[in-house]
Amino acid sequence: MSSFAVIGGPQSKKLAKNIAKRLGASYIPTNVKIFHDGESKITITIKKKFDNIIVVQSTYPPVDTSIIHALSILSKAHEISHNVYLVIPYVGYAKQDKEFLKGEIITIKVIAELFHSVKCSEIIMVDFHSSEALSFFHMPTKNISAVELLADHVKKLNLSHPLIVSPDLFWKVHAKKFANIIGSDSIALNKKRDRKSGELSIISKKFQTGRKRDLVILDDMISTGNSVREAIRFLGRNNFGKIIVACTHPVLVKNAEKMLMKNGVSRIIGTNSIDGKFAKIDLSQIIVDAIKQ
């Protein structure tokens, strides 16, 4: 019988422990020391070799440091096993998947090349940003989705005639799937971004609710929260009852949470792809299912 061990990266210790528990695998912690110049030293204490090693490390802020940690741990893992798997639920730089303005570097391509250089048997991601970004990973990958988990969680909230909204066309299919699970309907807004200024605008036709409904805004990641804010303003905050935000990756940088609450959001629901107060949903089971496949 093959032996498994799970190495928990600094950003994903709780998730890694949950995965190890579900697999009946050994859990191997990582210890990190950050020096005054910003460099990291990672120590992993391993007493024996395993048939399979699973490295779990999300790359949320500080993104660059998190990526270096993932690469370093992967490099060490090859000393323990020939079969090394990387679970990287949230992949930093995934939005930089094309040259939007002349001269821009497609950074996710660089990140993919870095992971290819340290080699792994497979990479498992969760709601990775786009098929374009995924195409740069020239190695076995699985992109699994947390939409069903998010929908099951929201379904228990007993919302009033909820409307599921994707703040852009990118997640239209996911919003429809989410709505089908909870027995509701969905819309997707057409969002436009000025690539030089970063300013957002919504160019969809106005939507009439016809009655007071609760609102669920669904996206793959919430970072600054600007897309959600613009969606609320476009739809009309006063046209709805409760406003819920559901996302796979609750990055929420700087004052994003405060800004969203100011714009009427009553609850933010995310997964533990990013550890913290919004990690309401555990991804370990769907990740274990993907590993077993």
Foldseek 3Di string as FASTA:
>chain_A
DFAEEEEEFPFGQPLSVLLCVVVVHHYWYWDWDADPVGDIDIDTDDDAAGAEYEYEFEQFPVNVNSLVRQLVVLLVNVVRYVAYEYEHAHHPLLVLLDCPDPPDDSVLLVSLVSDVVSDHQEYEYEPRPDPSSVVSNPHHYHYHYCLLVLLVVVLVVPWFQEEEEELDPSCVVSSQVSCVNSVHHYDYWHKDADPVPRDIDTDDDADDPVAAGEYEYEDAEQEQQPSVLNVCVRNDVVSYDAYEYEHAYYSHPDCSVVVVVVSRHDYYAYDVSGDDDRRPHRPSVVVSVVVVD
